[in-house]
Amino acid sequence: MKSQSILRQSGGADTKLRTKSKKRLLFVCLGVGFLVCVLLFWVADNVFNGFFREWFTDIFTISEWMIDKQGNSIYVHNLMWYKLRTPIFLIVFVNVVVWPVGIVCASHFYAQKKVRSSISWTSDMIQRYMQNDLEISQVFPKEYSEVSAQMAQLKSDMQRNEQILREEASRKNDLITYLAHDLKTPLTSIIGYLSLLDELPEMPMEQKAKYVGITLDKAKRLEKLINEFFEITRYNLQQIVLEKETVDLYYMLVQMTDEFYPILEAHGNHIMLEADEDMIVYADVMRLARVFNNILKNAISYSYPATEIKVRAVKRKGSVSISFENKGKTIPKHKLEAIFEKFFRLDDARASNTGGAGLGLAIAKEIVTLHGGEITAESEDGCTVFKVNLPVLQV
């Protein structure tokens, strides 16, 4: 579409020039036609020694003898207007209508040909530039500076979009691999334990209870992976409608800290909460809790054992900033830039049996964006910080 606009612009200048030329040419044609007629009359009358005058007199005048006031006889030529009207009309018609119209039509077709030639030439230059790795100056002349600048921008945008599409396709291919692995692992365990229970009906109750518990855990993990996949799909299709209400942010963070106590205890971590008690935001409480849960799970999973996880909430002008800080391996910059993208997982998560499908942080970003906020991540010197900025209460 943009290339078509550029072609129209290249032909637009020619169109304006053609319109001005038509007006100028019309006046020139009228003047030239008049001069040609005068010249023809003069040549016919002088070169042919009065031939034209004699012919005109014979055809368009009537001659007769008359007596003047002094009584002298004179020979008078009177014009016969009824014979002269048609030739005069034809001369005027040819000079005023036929001649200018013919010239204008000829110039129009010539201008159209020039425009088509210009568009074709411009199209060839654009095609050559877009399909080859050439410098802009190697293809476009200086007078096409505006078109060349737009084409350079268009080519850059197309290359960037192609790169984004390739990366997205690569991530989706990775998703198929990782999701197949993640689904297959718990499914294989479920089938294995259920097969044992089926083949050994006389198994001791204690061992049966153990196998049933393991099978249930694997089934729940399978359900979680499937739910994550369908949830991110719903966000992509923009089918999520937020149900906002006033939320006591401090109480939510305290409650979340308590809910994560068993996981923290098993990992040897503890949370240090720093927040004012009067922080109120206008948000969808269930989805905002999902954001904090996803970030905190990520912080626990990648933190060193027996380290502190700091959760801070600070009120700023017009917004509230919530940060989650943990001590662990530094995330490389190139991976940090992609950490909120769908299906992205760090290598440690890929190798584990507990890592998700790489959708938790992507879901968190979608939710924060729907709330009009922003989520960012920083990692340096073994310290990783996730920050969520949300608008303050706006009913």
Protein backbone atom coordinates (compact mmCIF):
# COMPACT_ATOMS: atom_id res chain seq x y z
CA MET A 1 0.00 0.00 0.00
CA LYS A 2 2.77 2.40 0.86
CA SER A 3 4.62 1.66 -2.39
CA GLN A 4 1.40 2.48 -4.30
CA SER A 5 1.19 5.78 -2.44
CA ILE A 6 4.77 6.55 -3.44
CA LEU A 7 3.97 5.79 -7.08
CA ARG A 8 0.96 8.11 -6.88
CA GLN A 9 3.15 10.83 -5.43
CA SER A 10 5.69 10.42 -8.22
CA GLY A 11 2.87 10.80 -10.76
CA GLY A 12 1.20 13.60 -8.79
CA ALA A 13 3.82 16.17 -9.72
CA ASP A 14 3.47 15.21 -13.38
CA THR A 15 -0.32 15.61 -13.14
CA LYS A 16 -0.07 19.15 -11.72
CA LEU A 17 2.49 20.10 -14.33
CA ARG A 18 0.28 18.64 -17.05
CA THR A 19 -2.72 20.75 -15.93
CA LYS A 20 -0.71 23.96 -16.03
CA SER A 21 0.73 23.02 -19.41
CA LYS A 22 -2.75 22.44 -20.85
CA LYS A 23 -3.89 25.98 -19.95
CA ARG A 24 -0.74 27.53 -21.31
CA LEU A 25 -0.96 25.45 -24.47
CA LEU A 26 -4.59 26.48 -25.11
CA PHE A 27 -3.69 30.18 -25.22
CA VAL A 28 -0.65 29.48 -27.37
CA CYS A 29 -2.80 27.49 -29.81
CA LEU A 30 -5.33 30.32 -30.16
CA GLY A 31 -2.60 32.84 -30.81
CA VAL A 32 -0.77 30.61 -33.24
CA GLY A 33 -3.99 29.81 -35.11
CA PHE A 34 -4.80 33.50 -35.55
CA LEU A 35 -1.29 34.31 -36.75
CA VAL A 36 -1.35 31.36 -39.17
CA CYS A 37 -4.61 32.60 -40.70
CA VAL A 38 -3.28 36.15 -41.12
CA LEU A 39 -0.07 34.80 -42.62
CA LEU A 40 -1.96 32.58 -45.05
CA PHE A 41 -4.10 35.52 -46.22
CA TRP A 42 -1.02 37.70 -46.71
CA VAL A 43 0.90 35.01 -48.59
CA ALA A 44 -2.06 34.17 -50.81
CA ASP A 45 -2.65 37.79 -51.68
CA ASN A 46 0.94 38.89 -52.25
CA VAL A 47 2.75 35.85 -53.53
CA PHE A 48 0.04 35.02 -56.02
CA ASN A 49 -0.24 38.69 -57.10
CA GLY A 50 -3.75 39.36 -55.95
CA PHE A 51 -5.05 35.93 -56.81
CA PHE A 52 -6.77 35.52 -53.46
CA ARG A 53 -8.32 38.98 -53.66
CA GLU A 54 -9.69 38.29 -57.12
CA TRP A 55 -11.03 34.91 -56.04
CA PHE A 56 -12.66 36.42 -52.97
CA THR A 57 -14.22 39.22 -55.02
CA ASP A 58 -15.66 36.82 -57.57
CA ILE A 59 -17.17 34.47 -55.00
CA PHE A 60 -18.30 36.63 -52.10
CA THR A 61 -19.10 40.04 -53.68
CA ILE A 62 -21.49 41.41 -56.27
CA SER A 63 -20.17 44.14 -58.59
CA GLU A 64 -22.28 46.92 -60.08
CA TRP A 65 -21.95 50.42 -61.52
CA MET A 66 -23.23 53.30 -59.40
CA ILE A 67 -23.45 57.09 -59.76
CA ASP A 68 -21.87 59.12 -56.99
CA LYS A 69 -22.99 62.57 -55.78
CA GLN A 70 -20.86 64.32 -58.36
CA GLY A 71 -22.50 62.34 -61.10
CA ASN A 72 -19.51 60.10 -61.79
CA SER A 73 -19.91 56.43 -62.58
CA ILE A 74 -18.07 54.09 -60.17
CA TYR A 75 -17.67 50.31 -60.01
CA VAL A 76 -18.67 49.03 -56.51
CA HIS A 77 -18.16 45.59 -54.90
CA ASN A 78 -20.78 44.74 -52.27
CA LEU A 79 -20.28 41.76 -49.92
CA MET A 80 -22.76 38.93 -50.12
CA TRP A 81 -23.07 38.09 -46.44
CA TYR A 82 -25.25 35.06 -46.98
CA LYS A 83 -22.31 33.44 -48.84
CA LEU A 84 -19.68 34.68 -46.41
CA ARG A 85 -21.34 33.47 -43.21
CA THR A 86 -20.47 29.80 -43.66
CA PRO A 87 -16.74 30.28 -44.43
CA ILE A 88 -16.38 32.74 -41.53
CA PHE A 89 -18.12 30.29 -39.21
CA LEU A 90 -15.86 27.46 -40.37
CA ILE A 91 -12.72 29.56 -39.93
CA VAL A 92 -13.78 30.65 -36.44
CA PHE A 93 -14.85 27.12 -35.53
CA VAL A 94 -11.56 25.61 -36.69
CA ASN A 95 -9.45 28.22 -34.88
CA VAL A 96 -11.48 28.39 -31.69
CA VAL A 97 -12.63 24.78 -31.32
CA VAL A 98 -11.09 22.19 -33.60
CA TRP A 99 -7.51 23.41 -33.55
CA PRO A 100 -7.25 23.96 -29.75
CA VAL A 101 -9.17 20.77 -28.94
CA GLY A 102 -6.92 18.77 -31.26
CA ILE A 103 -3.80 20.24 -29.69
CA VAL A 104 -5.14 19.69 -26.15
CA CYS A 105 -6.11 16.08 -26.93
CA ALA A 106 -2.72 15.43 -28.46
CA SER A 107 -0.97 16.97 -25.46
CA HIS A 108 -3.21 14.97 -23.11
CA PHE A 109 -2.30 11.67 -24.71
CA TYR A 110 1.34 12.69 -24.80
CA ALA A 111 1.23 13.67 -21.13
CA GLN A 112 -0.51 10.39 -20.25
CA LYS A 113 2.21 8.51 -22.06
CA LYS A 114 4.85 10.47 -20.15
CA VAL A 115 3.10 9.79 -16.82
CA ARG A 116 2.81 6.06 -17.57
CA SER A 117 6.45 6.03 -18.57
CA SER A 118 7.40 7.88 -15.37
CA ILE A 119 5.35 5.49 -13.19
CA SER A 120 6.79 2.46 -15.00
CA TRP A 121 10.30 3.79 -14.54
CA THR A 122 9.68 4.56 -10.87
CA SER A 123 8.15 1.11 -10.38
CA ASP A 124 11.20 -0.53 -11.96
CA MET A 125 13.50 1.45 -9.65
CA ILE A 126 11.42 0.50 -6.59
CA GLN A 127 11.39 -3.17 -7.59
CA ARG A 128 15.13 -3.18 -8.20
CA TYR A 129 15.81 -1.49 -4.86
CA MET A 130 13.45 -3.72 -2.87
CA GLN A 131 14.66 -7.00 -4.41
CA ASN A 132 18.39 -6.32 -4.27
CA ASP A 133 20.88 -5.33 -1.61
CA LEU A 134 21.70 -1.94 -3.13
CA GLU A 135 22.37 1.49 -1.71
CA ILE A 136 19.60 4.03 -2.24
CA SER A 137 21.95 6.27 -4.25
CA GLN A 138 22.69 3.41 -6.65
CA VAL A 139 19.07 3.18 -7.75
CA PHE A 140 17.33 6.56 -7.40
CA PRO A 141 18.56 9.80 -9.02
CA LYS A 142 18.80 12.98 -6.94
CA GLU A 143 15.49 14.39 -8.21
CA TYR A 144 13.77 11.37 -6.60
CA SER A 145 15.06 12.23 -3.13
CA GLU A 146 11.60 12.28 -1.51
CA VAL A 147 10.59 8.95 -3.04
CA SER A 148 13.94 7.37 -2.20
CA ALA A 149 13.71 8.48 1.45
CA GLN A 150 10.26 6.89 1.78
CA MET A 151 11.41 3.71 0.06
CA ALA A 152 14.38 3.44 2.40
CA GLN A 153 12.03 3.72 5.37
CA LEU A 154 9.60 1.23 3.83
CA LYS A 155 12.37 -1.30 3.16
CA SER A 156 13.66 -0.91 6.71
CA ASP A 157 10.15 -1.45 8.12
CA MET A 158 9.59 -4.52 5.94
CA GLN A 159 12.90 -6.05 6.99
CA ARG A 160 12.11 -5.40 10.63
CA ASN A 161 8.63 -6.92 10.27
CA GLU A 162 10.06 -9.95 8.48
CA GLN A 163 12.53 -10.43 11.32
CA ILE A 164 9.71 -10.18 13.87
CA LEU A 165 7.67 -12.75 11.93
CA ARG A 166 10.65 -15.11 11.74
CA GLU A 167 11.22 -14.80 15.48
CA GLU A 168 7.53 -15.34 16.19
CA ALA A 169 7.48 -18.41 13.95
CA SER A 170 10.58 -19.73 15.70
CA ARG A 171 8.97 -19.24 19.11
CA LYS A 172 5.82 -21.01 17.95
CA ASN A 173 7.90 -23.91 16.68
CA ASP A 174 9.65 -23.99 20.04
CA LEU A 175 6.23 -23.95 21.71
CA ILE A 176 5.21 -27.08 19.85
CA THR A 177 8.41 -28.80 20.99
CA TYR A 178 8.27 -27.60 24.59
CA LEU A 179 4.51 -28.01 24.96
CA ALA A 180 4.69 -31.52 23.52
CA HIS A 181 7.43 -32.32 26.05
CA ASP A 182 5.57 -30.68 28.93
CA LEU A 183 2.35 -32.49 28.10
CA LYS A 184 4.01 -35.79 27.37
CA THR A 185 6.00 -35.96 30.62
CA PRO A 186 3.06 -35.80 33.07
CA LEU A 187 0.85 -37.79 30.71
CA THR A 188 3.41 -40.60 30.53
CA SER A 189 3.65 -40.63 34.34
CA ILE A 190 -0.13 -40.71 34.69
CA ILE A 191 -0.41 -43.64 32.27
CA GLY A 192 2.47 -45.44 34.00
CA TYR A 193 1.06 -45.16 37.52
CA LEU A 194 -2.48 -46.00 36.42
CA SER A 195 -1.14 -49.06 34.58
CA LEU A 196 0.59 -50.21 37.77
CA LEU A 197 -2.59 -49.77 39.75
CA ASP A 198 -4.51 -51.71 37.10
CA GLU A 199 -1.96 -54.54 36.84
CA LEU A 200 -1.44 -54.92 40.61
CA PRO A 201 -4.88 -54.82 42.21
CA GLU A 202 -3.49 -56.42 45.39
CA MET A 203 -0.98 -53.60 45.93
CA PRO A 204 -0.80 -52.39 49.56
CA MET A 205 -3.15 -49.48 50.30
CA GLU A 206 -0.29 -47.24 51.41
CA GLN A 207 1.51 -47.70 48.07
CA LYS A 208 -1.76 -47.26 46.18
CA ALA A 209 -2.39 -43.99 47.99
CA LYS A 210 1.13 -42.82 47.08
CA TYR A 211 0.66 -43.65 43.38
CA VAL A 212 -2.79 -42.04 43.31
CA GLY A 213 -1.33 -38.88 44.87
CA ILE A 214 1.48 -38.72 42.30
CA THR A 215 -1.02 -39.31 39.49
CA LEU A 216 -3.24 -36.50 40.78
CA ASP A 217 -0.28 -34.08 40.95
CA LYS A 218 0.69 -34.91 37.37
CA ALA A 219 -2.90 -34.46 36.20
CA LYS A 220 -3.10 -31.05 37.91
CA ARG A 221 0.15 -30.00 36.23
CA LEU A 222 -1.27 -31.10 32.89
CA GLU A 223 -4.42 -29.08 33.54
CA LYS A 224 -2.34 -26.02 34.47
CA LEU A 225 -0.35 -26.13 31.23
CA ILE A 226 -3.50 -26.44 29.14
CA ASN A 227 -5.21 -23.59 31.03
CA GLU A 228 -2.21 -21.31 30.49
CA PHE A 229 -2.24 -22.00 26.80
CA PHE A 230 -5.94 -21.22 26.43
CA GLU A 231 -5.70 -18.13 28.63
CA ILE A 232 -3.00 -16.46 26.51
CA THR A 233 -5.09 -17.30 23.44
CA ARG A 234 -8.04 -15.42 24.93
CA TYR A 235 -5.87 -12.38 25.59
CA ASN A 236 -4.58 -12.45 22.03
CA LEU A 237 -8.16 -12.53 20.74
CA GLN A 238 -9.02 -9.61 23.07
CA GLN A 239 -11.88 -11.50 24.63
CA ILE A 240 -11.02 -10.41 28.18
CA VAL A 241 -13.23 -7.79 29.83
CA LEU A 242 -11.88 -6.37 33.09
CA GLU A 243 -14.21 -6.20 36.10
CA LYS A 244 -12.64 -3.29 37.95
CA GLU A 245 -13.24 -2.34 41.54
CA THR A 246 -11.36 -0.56 44.31
CA VAL A 247 -8.55 -2.78 45.58
CA ASP A 248 -6.62 -2.45 48.84
CA LEU A 249 -3.15 -3.08 47.43
CA TYR A 250 -1.45 -3.49 50.80
CA TYR A 251 -3.95 -6.13 51.96
CA MET A 252 -3.61 -7.99 48.64
CA LEU A 253 0.19 -8.18 48.96
CA VAL A 254 -0.03 -9.34 52.59
CA GLN A 255 -2.54 -12.05 51.65
CA MET A 256 -0.40 -13.19 48.73
CA THR A 257 2.66 -13.42 50.98
CA ASP A 258 0.77 -15.66 53.38
CA GLU A 259 -0.49 -17.90 50.56
CA PHE A 260 3.04 -18.47 49.29
CA TYR A 261 4.41 -19.40 52.72
CA PRO A 262 4.51 -23.20 52.07
CA ILE A 263 6.39 -22.75 48.78
CA LEU A 264 8.76 -20.24 50.34
CA GLU A 265 9.37 -22.54 53.30
CA ALA A 266 10.16 -25.48 51.03
CA HIS A 267 12.67 -23.39 49.10
CA GLY A 268 14.14 -21.74 52.17
CA ASN A 269 13.12 -18.24 51.07
CA HIS A 270 11.24 -15.53 52.90
CA ILE A 271 9.51 -12.33 51.79
CA MET A 272 10.26 -8.83 53.05
CA LEU A 273 7.22 -6.63 52.37
CA GLU A 274 7.59 -2.85 52.30
CA ALA A 275 4.36 -0.98 51.51
CA ASP A 276 2.12 1.75 52.90
CA GLU A 277 -1.25 0.64 54.20
CA ASP A 278 -3.27 3.31 52.36
CA MET A 279 -2.59 2.25 48.77
CA ILE A 280 -5.75 1.90 46.69
CA VAL A 281 -5.93 1.02 43.00
CA TYR A 282 -8.86 0.55 40.63
CA ALA A 283 -8.39 -2.87 39.07
CA ASP A 284 -9.71 -6.35 38.36
CA VAL A 285 -8.75 -7.97 41.65
CA MET A 286 -8.61 -11.56 40.35
CA ARG A 287 -6.44 -10.73 37.34
CA LEU A 288 -4.19 -8.38 39.29
CA ALA A 289 -3.63 -11.19 41.79
CA ARG A 290 -2.72 -13.40 38.82
CA VAL A 291 -0.03 -10.88 37.81
CA PHE A 292 1.54 -10.82 41.27
CA ASN A 293 1.30 -14.61 41.60
CA ASN A 294 3.04 -15.18 38.27
CA ILE A 295 5.85 -12.75 39.10
CA LEU A 296 6.34 -14.12 42.60
CA LYS A 297 6.38 -17.74 41.37
CA ASN A 298 9.02 -16.71 38.87
CA ALA A 299 11.04 -14.98 41.62
CA ILE A 300 10.92 -18.06 43.86
CA SER A 301 11.78 -20.46 41.02
CA TYR A 302 14.90 -18.54 40.00
CA SER A 303 16.11 -17.31 43.39
CA TYR A 304 18.94 -18.88 45.33
CA PRO A 305 17.78 -21.04 48.29
CA ALA A 306 17.63 -19.37 51.70
CA THR A 307 17.58 -15.83 50.25
CA GLU A 308 15.25 -12.91 50.79
CA ILE A 309 12.66 -11.81 48.23
CA LYS A 310 11.80 -8.13 48.58
CA VAL A 311 8.35 -6.85 47.64
CA ARG A 312 7.98 -3.05 47.67
CA ALA A 313 5.01 -0.83 46.82
CA VAL A 314 5.65 2.88 46.41
CA LYS A 315 3.09 5.56 45.61
CA ARG A 316 4.16 8.07 42.98
CA LYS A 317 2.38 10.96 41.30
CA GLY A 318 -0.55 9.42 39.47
CA SER A 319 0.67 5.84 39.81
CA VAL A 320 1.75 3.05 42.13
CA SER A 321 4.96 1.06 41.56
CA ILE A 322 5.21 -2.53 42.85
CA SER A 323 8.61 -4.24 42.61
CA PHE A 324 9.68 -7.85 43.20
CA GLU A 325 13.40 -8.36 43.82
CA ASN A 326 15.19 -11.70 44.17
CA LYS A 327 18.79 -12.95 44.29
CA GLY A 328 19.73 -15.46 41.60
CA LYS A 329 21.52 -15.91 38.31
CA THR A 330 21.76 -12.75 36.24
CA ILE A 331 19.50 -12.92 33.21
CA PRO A 332 21.44 -12.03 30.03
CA LYS A 333 20.34 -8.80 28.39
CA HIS A 334 19.22 -10.44 25.12
CA LYS A 335 17.01 -12.86 27.08
CA LEU A 336 15.75 -10.10 29.36
CA GLU A 337 14.40 -8.22 26.33
CA ALA A 338 12.32 -11.26 25.35
CA ILE A 339 11.24 -12.36 28.81
CA PHE A 340 7.65 -11.04 28.45
CA GLU A 341 7.15 -12.58 25.03
CA LYS A 342 4.85 -15.54 24.58
CA PHE A 343 6.37 -19.01 24.87
CA PHE A 344 9.71 -17.67 26.14
CA ARG A 345 11.43 -19.71 28.85
CA LEU A 346 14.88 -19.61 30.32
CA ASP A 347 17.05 -22.68 29.83
CA ASP A 348 16.66 -23.71 33.49
CA ALA A 349 12.87 -23.83 33.10
CA ARG A 350 13.12 -25.89 29.94
CA ALA A 351 15.24 -28.48 31.67
CA SER A 352 12.97 -28.75 34.71
CA ASN A 353 9.76 -30.67 35.19
CA THR A 354 8.08 -27.78 36.98
CA GLY A 355 8.55 -24.98 34.47
CA GLY A 356 5.41 -23.76 32.70
CA ALA A 357 4.85 -23.24 29.01
CA GLY A 358 6.56 -19.85 29.08
CA LEU A 359 3.25 -17.99 29.25
CA GLY A 360 3.10 -16.76 32.85
CA LEU A 361 4.96 -13.48 32.34
CA ALA A 362 3.32 -12.96 28.93
CA ILE A 363 -0.08 -13.25 30.62
CA ALA A 364 1.08 -10.83 33.34
CA LYS A 365 2.08 -8.28 30.71
CA GLU A 366 -1.27 -8.58 28.91
CA ILE A 367 -3.17 -7.99 32.16
CA VAL A 368 -1.04 -5.01 33.20
CA THR A 369 -1.42 -3.46 29.74
CA LEU A 370 -5.21 -3.86 29.91
CA HIS A 371 -5.08 -1.90 33.18
CA GLY A 372 -3.21 0.94 31.47
CA GLY A 373 0.01 0.08 33.30
CA GLU A 374 3.50 -1.10 32.47
CA ILE A 375 5.67 -4.04 33.50
CA THR A 376 9.47 -4.12 33.19
CA ALA A 377 12.39 -6.32 34.26
CA GLU A 378 16.01 -5.63 35.18
CA SER A 379 18.80 -8.06 36.03
CA GLU A 380 22.32 -7.14 37.10
CA ASP A 381 24.97 -8.55 39.44
CA GLY A 382 22.82 -11.48 40.54
CA CYS A 383 19.82 -9.28 41.35
CA THR A 384 16.61 -9.46 39.28
CA VAL A 385 13.81 -6.92 39.71
CA PHE A 386 10.34 -6.97 38.17
CA LYS A 387 8.42 -3.68 38.35
CA VAL A 388 4.71 -3.14 37.82
CA ASN A 389 3.43 0.43 37.43
CA LEU A 390 -0.33 0.92 37.79
CA PRO A 391 -2.54 4.03 37.72
CA VAL A 392 -3.90 5.12 41.09
CA LEU A 393 -7.62 5.00 41.86
CA GLN A 394 -9.58 6.21 38.81
CA VAL A 395 -13.25 5.30 39.01
